[in-house]
Amino acid sequence: MKKYDFTKVVVRNIEGVIEEEIKPHKLVADLVYRLADTLDLIEVAREINSGMAVDLTPAWAKEIKRIILGPKSNLWAFTKKAVSDYMDEVEKKKEPDDGEGK
Protein backbone atom coordinates (compact mmCIF):
# COMPACT_ATOMS: atom_id res chain seq x y z
CA MET A 1 0.00 0.00 0.00
CA LYS A 2 1.01 3.56 -0.61
CA LYS A 3 -0.17 6.69 1.17
CA TYR A 4 -1.90 9.34 -0.94
CA ASP A 5 -2.68 12.81 0.37
CA PHE A 6 -4.82 14.46 -2.29
CA THR A 7 -4.63 17.79 -0.44
CA LYS A 8 -1.06 17.97 -1.79
CA VAL A 9 -2.24 18.05 -5.42
CA VAL A 10 -1.29 21.41 -6.93
CA VAL A 11 -3.49 22.69 -9.75
CA ARG A 12 -2.04 25.44 -11.94
CA ASN A 13 -3.69 27.51 -14.64
CA ILE A 14 -2.28 27.96 -18.13
CA GLU A 15 0.06 30.68 -16.86
CA GLY A 16 1.44 28.42 -14.13
CA VAL A 17 -0.33 30.22 -11.30
CA ILE A 18 -1.68 27.97 -8.54
CA GLU A 19 -5.48 27.82 -8.55
CA GLU A 20 -6.11 28.27 -4.81
CA GLU A 21 -9.90 28.04 -5.10
CA ILE A 22 -9.75 24.55 -6.63
CA LYS A 23 -9.73 21.86 -3.93
CA PRO A 24 -8.61 18.72 -5.79
CA HIS A 25 -9.17 16.42 -2.81
CA LYS A 26 -12.84 17.44 -2.71
CA LEU A 27 -13.21 16.84 -6.46
CA VAL A 28 -11.49 13.45 -6.27
CA ALA A 29 -13.59 12.41 -3.28
CA ASP A 30 -16.84 13.36 -5.00
CA LEU A 31 -15.99 11.45 -8.16
CA VAL A 32 -14.85 8.35 -6.30
CA TYR A 33 -17.95 8.45 -4.10
CA ARG A 34 -20.25 8.64 -7.14
CA LEU A 35 -18.42 6.42 -9.64
CA ALA A 36 -16.57 3.70 -7.71
CA ASP A 37 -17.31 0.13 -8.76
CA THR A 38 -16.70 -1.21 -5.26
CA LEU A 39 -18.21 -0.32 -1.91
CA ASP A 40 -14.75 -0.39 -0.32
CA LEU A 41 -13.95 2.94 -1.93
CA ILE A 42 -16.94 4.72 -0.37
CA GLU A 43 -15.16 5.06 2.98
CA VAL A 44 -11.93 5.98 1.19
CA ALA A 45 -13.82 8.77 -0.60
CA ARG A 46 -15.10 10.07 2.74
CA GLU A 47 -11.58 10.11 4.15
CA ILE A 48 -10.22 11.91 1.07
CA ASN A 49 -13.06 14.45 1.33
CA SER A 50 -12.15 15.22 4.94
CA GLY A 51 -8.55 15.94 3.91
CA MET A 52 -7.05 12.76 5.32
CA ALA A 53 -4.16 10.92 3.71
CA VAL A 54 -5.28 7.44 2.68
CA ASP A 55 -3.50 4.13 2.21
CA LEU A 56 -4.42 2.67 -1.17
CA THR A 57 -3.73 -0.76 -2.54
CA PRO A 58 -2.40 -0.77 -6.10
CA ALA A 59 -5.86 -1.93 -7.25
CA TRP A 60 -7.64 0.93 -5.47
CA ALA A 61 -5.15 3.49 -6.81
CA LYS A 62 -5.69 2.13 -10.32
CA GLU A 63 -9.48 2.35 -9.87
CA ILE A 64 -9.29 5.94 -8.62
CA LYS A 65 -7.07 6.92 -11.53
CA ARG A 66 -9.51 5.23 -13.93
CA ILE A 67 -12.35 7.26 -12.42
CA ILE A 68 -10.41 10.55 -12.59
CA LEU A 69 -9.32 10.07 -16.19
CA GLY A 70 -12.50 8.34 -17.39
CA PRO A 71 -15.22 9.70 -19.64
CA LYS A 72 -17.67 10.21 -16.74
CA SER A 73 -15.22 12.50 -14.93
CA ASN A 74 -16.37 16.10 -14.94
CA LEU A 75 -12.92 17.49 -14.11
CA TRP A 76 -11.21 19.96 -16.39
CA ALA A 77 -8.26 18.45 -18.26
CA PHE A 78 -5.68 20.49 -16.30
CA THR A 79 -7.14 19.22 -13.02
CA LYS A 80 -7.11 15.62 -14.29
CA LYS A 81 -3.45 16.10 -15.22
CA ALA A 82 -2.54 17.50 -11.80
CA VAL A 83 -4.19 14.58 -9.99
CA SER A 84 -2.76 12.00 -12.39
CA ASP A 85 0.75 13.49 -12.11
CA TYR A 86 0.51 13.45 -8.30
CA MET A 87 -0.59 9.82 -8.30
CA ASP A 88 2.26 8.92 -10.66
CA GLU A 89 4.74 10.57 -8.27
CA VAL A 90 3.41 8.58 -5.31
CA GLU A 91 3.47 5.34 -7.29
CA LYS A 92 7.12 5.89 -8.25
CA LYS A 93 8.28 6.52 -4.69
CA LYS A 94 10.06 3.64 -3.08
CA GLU A 95 8.76 2.37 0.23
CA PRO A 96 10.91 3.53 3.15
CA ASP A 97 13.19 0.87 4.53
CA ASP A 98 11.72 -0.19 7.85
CA GLY A 99 14.94 -1.91 8.90
CA GLU A 100 13.45 -5.40 8.80
CA GLY A 101 15.36 -8.23 7.19
CA LYS A 102 18.79 -6.97 8.19
PDB file of N, CA and C in Angstrom:
ATOM      1  N   MET A   1       0.834  -1.182   0.000  1.00  0.00           N
ATOM      2  CA  MET A   1       0.000   0.000   0.000  1.00  0.00           C
ATOM      3  C   MET A   1       0.875   1.240   0.000  1.00  0.00           C
ATOM      4  N   LYS A   2       0.332   2.265  -0.601  1.00  0.00           N
ATOM      5  CA  LYS A   2       1.007   3.562  -0.608  1.00  0.00           C
ATOM      6  C   LYS A   2       0.057   4.609  -0.048  1.00  0.00           C
ATOM      7  N   LYS A   3       0.628   5.628   0.568  1.00  0.00           N
ATOM      8  CA  LYS A   3      -0.171   6.693   1.174  1.00  0.00           C
ATOM      9  C   LYS A   3      -0.316   7.845   0.178  1.00  0.00           C
ATOM     10  N   TYR A   4      -1.565   8.235  -0.040  1.00  0.00           N
ATOM     11  CA  TYR A   4      -1.899   9.340  -0.936  1.00  0.00           C
ATOM     12  C   TYR A   4      -2.565  10.436  -0.117  1.00  0.00           C
ATOM     13  N   ASP A   5      -2.083  11.653  -0.287  1.00  0.00           N
ATOM     14  CA  ASP A   5      -2.679  12.809   0.365  1.00  0.00           C
ATOM     15  C   ASP A   5      -3.095  13.778  -0.739  1.00  0.00           C
ATOM     16  N   PHE A   6      -4.345  13.686  -1.149  1.00  0.00           N
ATOM     17  CA  PHE A   6      -4.822  14.458  -2.286  1.00  0.00           C
ATOM     18  C   PHE A   6      -4.896  15.959  -1.992  1.00  0.00           C
ATOM     19  N   THR A   7      -4.707  16.362  -0.731  1.00  0.00           N
ATOM     20  CA  THR A   7      -4.630  17.793  -0.439  1.00  0.00           C
ATOM     21  C   THR A   7      -3.315  18.369  -0.957  1.00  0.00           C
ATOM     22  N   LYS A   8      -2.359  17.517  -1.286  1.00  0.00           N
ATOM     23  CA  LYS A   8      -1.058  17.967  -1.792  1.00  0.00           C
ATOM     24  C   LYS A   8      -1.047  18.161  -3.309  1.00  0.00           C
ATOM     25  N   VAL A   9      -2.153  17.845  -3.972  1.00  0.00           N
ATOM     26  CA  VAL A   9      -2.236  18.051  -5.418  1.00  0.00           C
ATOM     27  C   VAL A   9      -2.244  19.552  -5.683  1.00  0.00           C
ATOM     28  N   VAL A  10      -1.380  19.992  -6.578  1.00  0.00           N
ATOM     29  CA  VAL A  10      -1.289  21.410  -6.930  1.00  0.00           C
ATOM     30  C   VAL A  10      -1.838  21.586  -8.345  1.00  0.00           C
ATOM     31  N   VAL A  11      -2.872  22.404  -8.459  1.00  0.00           N
ATOM     32  CA  VAL A  11      -3.486  22.686  -9.754  1.00  0.00           C
ATOM     33  C   VAL A  11      -3.046  24.085 -10.182  1.00  0.00           C
ATOM     34  N   ARG A  12      -2.507  24.167 -11.406  1.00  0.00           N
ATOM     35  CA  ARG A  12      -2.037  25.444 -11.941  1.00  0.00           C
ATOM     36  C   ARG A  12      -2.822  25.791 -13.203  1.00  0.00           C
ATOM     37  N   ASN A  13      -3.024  27.088 -13.411  1.00  0.00           N
ATOM     38  CA  ASN A  13      -3.693  27.511 -14.638  1.00  0.00           C
ATOM     39  C   ASN A  13      -2.694  27.548 -15.791  1.00  0.00           C
ATOM     40  N   ILE A  14      -3.128  27.981 -16.941  1.00  0.00           N
ATOM     41  CA  ILE A  14      -2.281  27.964 -18.134  1.00  0.00           C
ATOM     42  C   ILE A  14      -1.029  28.831 -17.977  1.00  0.00           C
ATOM     43  N   GLU A  15      -1.091  29.815 -17.094  1.00  0.00           N
ATOM     44  CA  GLU A  15       0.055  30.683 -16.858  1.00  0.00           C
ATOM     45  C   GLU A  15       0.959  30.162 -15.746  1.00  0.00           C
ATOM     46  N   GLY A  16       0.621  29.019 -15.182  1.00  0.00           N
ATOM     47  CA  GLY A  16       1.438  28.424 -14.134  1.00  0.00           C
ATOM     48  C   GLY A  16       1.115  28.904 -12.734  1.00  0.00           C
ATOM     49  N   VAL A  17       0.074  29.702 -12.606  1.00  0.00           N
ATOM     50  CA  VAL A  17      -0.329  30.222 -11.304  1.00  0.00           C
ATOM     51  C   VAL A  17      -1.198  29.182 -10.587  1.00  0.00           C
ATOM     52  N   ILE A  18      -0.917  28.955  -9.324  1.00  0.00           N
ATOM     53  CA  ILE A  18      -1.680  27.974  -8.543  1.00  0.00           C
ATOM     54  C   ILE A  18      -3.120  28.447  -8.396  1.00  0.00           C
ATOM     55  N   GLU A  19      -4.045  27.556  -8.675  1.00  0.00           N
ATOM     56  CA  GLU A  19      -5.479  27.820  -8.548  1.00  0.00           C
ATOM     57  C   GLU A  19      -5.900  27.482  -7.119  1.00  0.00           C
ATOM     58  N   GLU A  20      -5.831  28.468  -6.233  1.00  0.00           N
ATOM     59  CA  GLU A  20      -6.113  28.274  -4.812  1.00  0.00           C
ATOM     60  C   GLU A  20      -7.552  27.835  -4.545  1.00  0.00           C
ATOM     61  N   GLU A  21      -8.492  28.332  -5.358  1.00  0.00           N
ATOM     62  CA  GLU A  21      -9.903  28.036  -5.102  1.00  0.00           C
ATOM     63  C   GLU A  21     -10.297  26.606  -5.478  1.00  0.00           C
ATOM     64  N   ILE A  22      -9.466  25.935  -6.262  1.00  0.00           N
ATOM     65  CA  ILE A  22      -9.754  24.549  -6.631  1.00  0.00           C
ATOM     66  C   ILE A  22      -9.234  23.642  -5.520  1.00  0.00           C
ATOM     67  N   LYS A  23     -10.097  22.808  -4.988  1.00  0.00           N
ATOM     68  CA  LYS A  23      -9.735  21.862  -3.925  1.00  0.00           C
ATOM     69  C   LYS A  23      -9.758  20.457  -4.524  1.00  0.00           C
ATOM     70  N   PRO A  24      -8.629  20.006  -5.085  1.00  0.00           N
ATOM     71  CA  PRO A  24      -8.610  18.723  -5.791  1.00  0.00           C
ATOM     72  C   PRO A  24      -9.080  17.542  -4.942  1.00  0.00           C
ATOM     73  N   HIS A  25      -8.758  17.564  -3.636  1.00  0.00           N
ATOM     74  CA  HIS A  25      -9.169  16.420  -2.812  1.00  0.00           C
ATOM     75  C   HIS A  25     -10.689  16.321  -2.745  1.00  0.00           C
ATOM     76  N   LYS A  26     -11.373  17.459  -2.739  1.00  0.00           N
ATOM     77  CA  LYS A  26     -12.844  17.440  -2.713  1.00  0.00           C
ATOM     78  C   LYS A  26     -13.395  16.902  -4.032  1.00  0.00           C
ATOM     79  N   LEU A  27     -12.776  17.299  -5.137  1.00  0.00           N
ATOM     80  CA  LEU A  27     -13.214  16.837  -6.457  1.00  0.00           C
ATOM     81  C   LEU A  27     -12.984  15.334  -6.618  1.00  0.00           C
ATOM     82  N   VAL A  28     -11.802  14.879  -6.194  1.00  0.00           N
ATOM     83  CA  VAL A  28     -11.491  13.445  -6.267  1.00  0.00           C
ATOM     84  C   VAL A  28     -12.473  12.654  -5.413  1.00  0.00           C
ATOM     85  N   ALA A  29     -12.686  13.110  -4.186  1.00  0.00           N
ATOM     86  CA  ALA A  29     -13.588  12.405  -3.279  1.00  0.00           C
ATOM     87  C   ALA A  29     -14.990  12.285  -3.864  1.00  0.00           C
ATOM     88  N   ASP A  30     -15.498  13.365  -4.426  1.00  0.00           N
ATOM     89  CA  ASP A  30     -16.840  13.357  -5.004  1.00  0.00           C
ATOM     90  C   ASP A  30     -16.940  12.366  -6.154  1.00  0.00           C
ATOM     91  N   LEU A  31     -15.956  12.378  -7.037  1.00  0.00           N
ATOM     92  CA  LEU A  31     -15.986  11.448  -8.164  1.00  0.00           C
ATOM     93  C   LEU A  31     -15.906   9.992  -7.712  1.00  0.00           C
ATOM     94  N   VAL A  32     -15.000   9.726  -6.793  1.00  0.00           N
ATOM     95  CA  VAL A  32     -14.850   8.347  -6.299  1.00  0.00           C
ATOM     96  C   VAL A  32     -16.139   7.907  -5.614  1.00  0.00           C
ATOM     97  N   TYR A  33     -16.707   8.779  -4.817  1.00  0.00           N
ATOM     98  CA  TYR A  33     -17.948   8.453  -4.104  1.00  0.00           C
ATOM     99  C   TYR A  33     -19.067   8.105  -5.086  1.00  0.00           C
ATOM    100  N   ARG A  34     -19.170   8.847  -6.178  1.00  0.00           N
ATOM    101  CA  ARG A  34     -20.249   8.635  -7.142  1.00  0.00           C
ATOM    102  C   ARG A  34     -19.979   7.517  -8.146  1.00  0.00           C
ATOM    103  N   LEU A  35     -18.708   7.285  -8.501  1.00  0.00           N
ATOM    104  CA  LEU A  35     -18.421   6.420  -9.642  1.00  0.00           C
ATOM    105  C   LEU A  35     -17.667   5.128  -9.320  1.00  0.00           C
ATOM    106  N   ALA A  36     -17.324   4.906  -8.065  1.00  0.00           N
ATOM    107  CA  ALA A  36     -16.571   3.697  -7.710  1.00  0.00           C
ATOM    108  C   ALA A  36     -17.374   2.443  -8.008  1.00  0.00           C
ATOM    109  N   ASP A  37     -16.675   1.420  -8.472  1.00  0.00           N
ATOM    110  CA  ASP A  37     -17.313   0.132  -8.757  1.00  0.00           C
ATOM    111  C   ASP A  37     -17.427  -0.743  -7.520  1.00  0.00           C
ATOM    112  N   THR A  38     -16.678  -0.393  -6.471  1.00  0.00           N
ATOM    113  CA  THR A  38     -16.700  -1.211  -5.263  1.00  0.00           C
ATOM    114  C   THR A  38     -17.103  -0.372  -4.053  1.00  0.00           C
ATOM    115  N   LEU A  39     -17.778  -1.008  -3.132  1.00  0.00           N
ATOM    116  CA  LEU A  39     -18.209  -0.322  -1.911  1.00  0.00           C
ATOM    117  C   LEU A  39     -17.042   0.049  -1.012  1.00  0.00           C
ATOM    118  N   ASP A  40     -15.933  -0.674  -1.142  1.00  0.00           N
ATOM    119  CA  ASP A  40     -14.751  -0.387  -0.319  1.00  0.00           C
ATOM    120  C   ASP A  40     -14.279   1.049  -0.489  1.00  0.00           C
ATOM    121  N   LEU A  41     -14.455   1.597  -1.667  1.00  0.00           N
ATOM    122  CA  LEU A  41     -13.947   2.938  -1.929  1.00  0.00           C
ATOM    123  C   LEU A  41     -14.845   4.053  -1.401  1.00  0.00           C
ATOM    124  N   ILE A  42     -16.042   3.709  -0.932  1.00  0.00           N
ATOM    125  CA  ILE A  42     -16.935   4.722  -0.370  1.00  0.00           C
ATOM    126  C   ILE A  42     -16.300   5.352   0.872  1.00  0.00           C
ATOM    127  N   GLU A  43     -15.803   4.532   1.771  1.00  0.00           N
ATOM    128  CA  GLU A  43     -15.160   5.057   2.981  1.00  0.00           C
ATOM    129  C   GLU A  43     -13.870   5.793   2.623  1.00  0.00           C
ATOM    130  N   VAL A  44     -13.134   5.295   1.650  1.00  0.00           N
ATOM    131  CA  VAL A  44     -11.925   5.981   1.193  1.00  0.00           C
ATOM    132  C   VAL A  44     -12.289   7.373   0.684  1.00  0.00           C
ATOM    133  N   ALA A  45     -13.373   7.475  -0.081  1.00  0.00           N
ATOM    134  CA  ALA A  45     -13.822   8.772  -0.599  1.00  0.00           C
ATOM    135  C   ALA A  45     -14.146   9.728   0.548  1.00  0.00           C
ATOM    136  N   ARG A  46     -14.778   9.219   1.585  1.00  0.00           N
ATOM    137  CA  ARG A  46     -15.103  10.069   2.741  1.00  0.00           C
ATOM    138  C   ARG A  46     -13.835  10.587   3.419  1.00  0.00           C
ATOM    139  N   GLU A  47     -12.838   9.714   3.529  1.00  0.00           N
ATOM    140  CA  GLU A  47     -11.579  10.115   4.153  1.00  0.00           C
ATOM    141  C   GLU A  47     -10.855  11.160   3.295  1.00  0.00           C
ATOM    142  N   ILE A  48     -10.836  10.946   1.984  1.00  0.00           N
ATOM    143  CA  ILE A  48     -10.222  11.914   1.074  1.00  0.00           C
ATOM    144  C   ILE A  48     -10.940  13.254   1.199  1.00  0.00           C
ATOM    145  N   ASN A  49     -12.262  13.220   1.237  1.00  0.00           N
ATOM    146  CA  ASN A  49     -13.057  14.446   1.328  1.00  0.00           C
ATOM    147  C   ASN A  49     -12.742  15.236   2.596  1.00  0.00           C
ATOM    148  N   SER A  50     -12.447  14.534   3.682  1.00  0.00           N
ATOM    149  CA  SER A  50     -12.150  15.217   4.942  1.00  0.00           C
ATOM    150  C   SER A  50     -10.706  15.717   5.005  1.00  0.00           C
ATOM    151  N   GLY A  51      -9.931  15.460   3.950  1.00  0.00           N
ATOM    152  CA  GLY A  51      -8.552  15.940   3.906  1.00  0.00           C
ATOM    153  C   GLY A  51      -7.537  14.981   4.471  1.00  0.00           C
ATOM    154  N   MET A  52      -7.962  13.758   4.759  1.00  0.00           N
ATOM    155  CA  MET A  52      -7.051  12.757   5.320  1.00  0.00           C
ATOM    156  C   MET A  52      -6.201  12.116   4.228  1.00  0.00           C
ATOM    157  N   ALA A  53      -4.982  11.757   4.584  1.00  0.00           N
ATOM    158  CA  ALA A  53      -4.161  10.922   3.711  1.00  0.00           C
ATOM    159  C   ALA A  53      -4.706   9.500   3.812  1.00  0.00           C
ATOM    160  N   VAL A  54      -4.717   8.792   2.697  1.00  0.00           N
ATOM    161  CA  VAL A  54      -5.284   7.442   2.677  1.00  0.00           C
ATOM    162  C   VAL A  54      -4.272   6.443   2.157  1.00  0.00           C
ATOM    163  N   ASP A  55      -4.309   5.237   2.715  1.00  0.00           N
ATOM    164  CA  ASP A  55      -3.505   4.129   2.208  1.00  0.00           C
ATOM    165  C   ASP A  55      -4.309   3.429   1.135  1.00  0.00           C
ATOM    166  N   LEU A  56      -3.728   3.325  -0.055  1.00  0.00           N
ATOM    167  CA  LEU A  56      -4.415   2.674  -1.172  1.00  0.00           C
ATOM    168  C   LEU A  56      -3.629   1.478  -1.649  1.00  0.00           C
ATOM    169  N   THR A  57      -4.348   0.387  -1.877  1.00  0.00           N
ATOM    170  CA  THR A  57      -3.734  -0.759  -2.537  1.00  0.00           C
ATOM    171  C   THR A  57      -3.476  -0.359  -3.987  1.00  0.00           C
ATOM    172  N   PRO A  58      -2.601  -1.078  -4.677  1.00  0.00           N
ATOM    173  CA  PRO A  58      -2.401  -0.773  -6.096  1.00  0.00           C
ATOM    174  C   PRO A  58      -3.711  -0.849  -6.895  1.00  0.00           C
ATOM    175  N   ALA A  59      -4.578  -1.790  -6.540  1.00  0.00           N
ATOM    176  CA  ALA A  59      -5.856  -1.929  -7.252  1.00  0.00           C
ATOM    177  C   ALA A  59      -6.755  -0.721  -7.001  1.00  0.00           C
ATOM    178  N   TRP A  60      -6.812  -0.244  -5.777  1.00  0.00           N
ATOM    179  CA  TRP A  60      -7.636   0.930  -5.465  1.00  0.00           C
ATOM    180  C   TRP A  60      -7.087   2.177  -6.159  1.00  0.00           C
ATOM    181  N   ALA A  61      -5.765   2.333  -6.147  1.00  0.00           N
ATOM    182  CA  ALA A  61      -5.150   3.489  -6.811  1.00  0.00           C
ATOM    183  C   ALA A  61      -5.466   3.456  -8.308  1.00  0.00           C
ATOM    184  N   LYS A  62      -5.382   2.281  -8.890  1.00  0.00           N
ATOM    185  CA  LYS A  62      -5.693   2.127 -10.323  1.00  0.00           C
ATOM    186  C   LYS A  62      -7.156   2.481 -10.591  1.00  0.00           C
ATOM    187  N   GLU A  63      -8.056   2.055  -9.719  1.00  0.00           N
ATOM    188  CA  GLU A  63      -9.480   2.349  -9.867  1.00  0.00           C
ATOM    189  C   GLU A  63      -9.742   3.851  -9.740  1.00  0.00           C
ATOM    190  N   ILE A  64      -9.106   4.498  -8.785  1.00  0.00           N
ATOM    191  CA  ILE A  64      -9.291   5.938  -8.617  1.00  0.00           C
ATOM    192  C   ILE A  64      -8.767   6.686  -9.838  1.00  0.00           C
ATOM    193  N   LYS A  65      -7.622   6.272 -10.332  1.00  0.00           N
ATOM    194  CA  LYS A  65      -7.074   6.917 -11.527  1.00  0.00           C
ATOM    195  C   LYS A  65      -7.996   6.707 -12.722  1.00  0.00           C
ATOM    196  N   ARG A  66      -8.570   5.522 -12.841  1.00  0.00           N
ATOM    197  CA  ARG A  66      -9.512   5.232 -13.928  1.00  0.00           C
ATOM    198  C   ARG A  66     -10.715   6.168 -13.837  1.00  0.00           C
ATOM    199  N   ILE A  67     -11.209   6.370 -12.630  1.00  0.00           N
ATOM    200  CA  ILE A  67     -12.355   7.264 -12.423  1.00  0.00           C
ATOM    201  C   ILE A  67     -11.987   8.695 -12.802  1.00  0.00           C
ATOM    202  N   ILE A  68     -10.844   9.163 -12.343  1.00  0.00           N
ATOM    203  CA  ILE A  68     -10.414  10.547 -12.587  1.00  0.00           C
ATOM    204  C   ILE A  68     -10.235  10.809 -14.077  1.00  0.00           C
ATOM    205  N   LEU A  69      -9.633   9.871 -14.773  1.00  0.00           N
ATOM    206  CA  LEU A  69      -9.323  10.070 -16.187  1.00  0.00           C
ATOM    207  C   LEU A  69     -10.435   9.595 -17.123  1.00  0.00           C
ATOM    208  N   GLY A  70     -11.451   8.945 -16.573  1.00  0.00           N
ATOM    209  CA  GLY A  70     -12.495   8.337 -17.390  1.00  0.00           C
ATOM    210  C   GLY A  70     -13.465   9.331 -18.001  1.00  0.00           C
ATOM    211  N   PRO A  71     -14.281   8.835 -18.908  1.00  0.00           N
ATOM    212  CA  PRO A  71     -15.221   9.700 -19.638  1.00  0.00           C
ATOM    213  C   PRO A  71     -16.330  10.284 -18.768  1.00  0.00           C
ATOM    214  N   LYS A  72     -16.625   9.681 -17.622  1.00  0.00           N
ATOM    215  CA  LYS A  72     -17.669  10.211 -16.744  1.00  0.00           C
ATOM    216  C   LYS A  72     -17.145  11.280 -15.784  1.00  0.00           C
ATOM    217  N   SER A  73     -15.823  11.478 -15.789  1.00  0.00           N
ATOM    218  CA  SER A  73     -15.220  12.497 -14.926  1.00  0.00           C
ATOM    219  C   SER A  73     -15.587  13.878 -15.448  1.00  0.00           C
ATOM    220  N   ASN A  74     -16.014  14.745 -14.542  1.00  0.00           N
ATOM    221  CA  ASN A  74     -16.370  16.098 -14.942  1.00  0.00           C
ATOM    222  C   ASN A  74     -15.254  17.105 -14.638  1.00  0.00           C
ATOM    223  N   LEU A  75     -14.051  16.598 -14.396  1.00  0.00           N
ATOM    224  CA  LEU A  75     -12.924  17.487 -14.106  1.00  0.00           C
ATOM    225  C   LEU A  75     -12.386  18.107 -15.391  1.00  0.00           C
ATOM    226  N   TRP A  76     -11.895  19.339 -15.273  1.00  0.00           N
ATOM    227  CA  TRP A  76     -11.206  19.958 -16.391  1.00  0.00           C
ATOM    228  C   TRP A  76      -9.921  19.183 -16.648  1.00  0.00           C
ATOM    229  N   ALA A  77      -9.448  19.214 -17.875  1.00  0.00           N
ATOM    230  CA  ALA A  77      -8.257  18.452 -18.258  1.00  0.00           C
ATOM    231  C   ALA A  77      -7.044  18.817 -17.398  1.00  0.00           C
ATOM    232  N   PHE A  78      -6.861  20.100 -17.084  1.00  0.00           N
ATOM    233  CA  PHE A  78      -5.680  20.486 -16.299  1.00  0.00           C
ATOM    234  C   PHE A  78      -5.770  19.979 -14.866  1.00  0.00           C
ATOM    235  N   THR A  79      -6.982  19.789 -14.357  1.00  0.00           N
ATOM    236  CA  THR A  79      -7.143  19.220 -13.022  1.00  0.00           C
ATOM    237  C   THR A  79      -6.889  17.717 -13.064  1.00  0.00           C
ATOM    238  N   LYS A  80      -7.394  17.050 -14.104  1.00  0.00           N
ATOM    239  CA  LYS A  80      -7.111  15.624 -14.286  1.00  0.00           C
ATOM    240  C   LYS A  80      -5.603  15.393 -14.334  1.00  0.00           C
ATOM    241  N   LYS A  81      -4.898  16.253 -15.091  1.00  0.00           N
ATOM    242  CA  LYS A  81      -3.455  16.102 -15.224  1.00  0.00           C
ATOM    243  C   LYS A  81      -2.762  16.277 -13.882  1.00  0.00           C
ATOM    244  N   ALA A  82      -3.170  17.270 -13.105  1.00  0.00           N
ATOM    245  CA  ALA A  82      -2.543  17.502 -11.802  1.00  0.00           C
ATOM    246  C   ALA A  82      -2.725  16.295 -10.882  1.00  0.00           C
ATOM    247  N   VAL A  83      -3.927  15.741 -10.850  1.00  0.00           N
ATOM    248  CA  VAL A  83      -4.193  14.577  -9.992  1.00  0.00           C
ATOM    249  C   VAL A  83      -3.420  13.369 -10.498  1.00  0.00           C
ATOM    250  N   SER A  84      -3.464  13.137 -11.808  1.00  0.00           N
ATOM    251  CA  SER A  84      -2.755  11.997 -12.393  1.00  0.00           C
ATOM    252  C   SER A  84      -1.249  12.097 -12.151  1.00  0.00           C
ATOM    253  N   ASP A  85      -0.680  13.292 -12.348  1.00  0.00           N
ATOM    254  CA  ASP A  85       0.752  13.491 -12.106  1.00  0.00           C
ATOM    255  C   ASP A  85       1.104  13.221 -10.642  1.00  0.00           C
ATOM    256  N   TYR A  86       0.271  13.696  -9.722  1.00  0.00           N
ATOM    257  CA  TYR A  86       0.513  13.449  -8.297  1.00  0.00           C
ATOM    258  C   TYR A  86       0.497  11.949  -8.001  1.00  0.00           C
ATOM    259  N   MET A  87      -0.501  11.257  -8.544  1.00  0.00           N
ATOM    260  CA  MET A  87      -0.593   9.815  -8.298  1.00  0.00           C
ATOM    261  C   MET A  87       0.604   9.082  -8.886  1.00  0.00           C
ATOM    262  N   ASP A  88       1.066   9.519 -10.053  1.00  0.00           N
ATOM    263  CA  ASP A  88       2.264   8.920 -10.660  1.00  0.00           C
ATOM    264  C   ASP A  88       3.481   9.107  -9.760  1.00  0.00           C
ATOM    265  N   GLU A  89       3.623  10.299  -9.180  1.00  0.00           N
ATOM    266  CA  GLU A  89       4.741  10.572  -8.266  1.00  0.00           C
ATOM    267  C   GLU A  89       4.711   9.625  -7.071  1.00  0.00           C
ATOM    268  N   VAL A  90       3.542   9.461  -6.469  1.00  0.00           N
ATOM    269  CA  VAL A  90       3.412   8.585  -5.305  1.00  0.00           C
ATOM    270  C   VAL A  90       3.735   7.149  -5.697  1.00  0.00           C
ATOM    271  N   GLU A  91       3.232   6.712  -6.843  1.00  0.00           N
ATOM    272  CA  GLU A  91       3.466   5.342  -7.290  1.00  0.00           C
ATOM    273  C   GLU A  91       4.950   5.063  -7.518  1.00  0.00           C
ATOM    274  N   LYS A  92       5.696   6.071  -7.953  1.00  0.00           N
ATOM    275  CA  LYS A  92       7.118   5.886  -8.251  1.00  0.00           C
ATOM    276  C   LYS A  92       7.995   5.887  -7.009  1.00  0.00           C
ATOM    277  N   LYS A  93       7.483   6.462  -5.913  1.00  0.00           N
ATOM    278  CA  LYS A  93       8.276   6.521  -4.687  1.00  0.00           C
ATOM    279  C   LYS A  93       8.514   5.121  -4.149  1.00  0.00           C
ATOM    280  N   LYS A  94       9.739   4.914  -3.707  1.00  0.00           N
ATOM    281  CA  LYS A  94      10.062   3.636  -3.075  1.00  0.00           C
ATOM    282  C   LYS A  94       9.560   3.661  -1.647  1.00  0.00           C
ATOM    283  N   GLU A  95       9.193   2.494  -1.168  1.00  0.00           N
ATOM    284  CA  GLU A  95       8.760   2.372   0.225  1.00  0.00           C
ATOM    285  C   GLU A  95       9.965   2.607   1.123  1.00  0.00           C
ATOM    286  N   PRO A  96       9.777   3.326   2.232  1.00  0.00           N
ATOM    287  CA  PRO A  96      10.909   3.527   3.146  1.00  0.00           C
ATOM    288  C   PRO A  96      11.351   2.204   3.738  1.00  0.00           C
ATOM    289  N   ASP A  97      12.642   2.086   3.940  1.00  0.00           N
ATOM    290  CA  ASP A  97      13.186   0.868   4.532  1.00  0.00           C
ATOM    291  C   ASP A  97      12.880   0.875   6.014  1.00  0.00           C
ATOM    292  N   ASP A  98      12.118  -0.139   6.438  1.00  0.00           N
ATOM    293  CA  ASP A  98      11.723  -0.189   7.853  1.00  0.00           C
ATOM    294  C   ASP A  98      12.754  -0.883   8.725  1.00  0.00           C
ATOM    295  N   GLY A  99      13.870  -1.289   8.119  1.00  0.00           N
ATOM    296  CA  GLY A  99      14.940  -1.907   8.896  1.00  0.00           C
ATOM    297  C   GLY A  99      14.775  -3.399   9.101  1.00  0.00           C
ATOM    298  N   GLU A 100      13.660  -3.965   8.639  1.00  0.00           N
ATOM    299  CA  GLU A 100      13.453  -5.400   8.805  1.00  0.00           C
ATOM    300  C   GLU A 100      14.279  -6.162   7.771  1.00  0.00           C
ATOM    301  N   GLY A 101      14.637  -7.363   8.109  1.00  0.00           N
ATOM    302  CA  GLY A 101      15.356  -8.232   7.193  1.00  0.00           C
ATOM    303  C   GLY A 101      16.849  -7.991   7.181  1.00  0.00           C
ATOM    304  N   LYS A 102      17.359  -7.217   8.135  1.00  0.00           N
ATOM    305  CA  LYS A 102      18.791  -6.972   8.192  1.00  0.00           C
ATOM    306  C   LYS A 102      19.456  -7.934   9.126  1.00  0.00           C
TER     307      LYS A 102
END
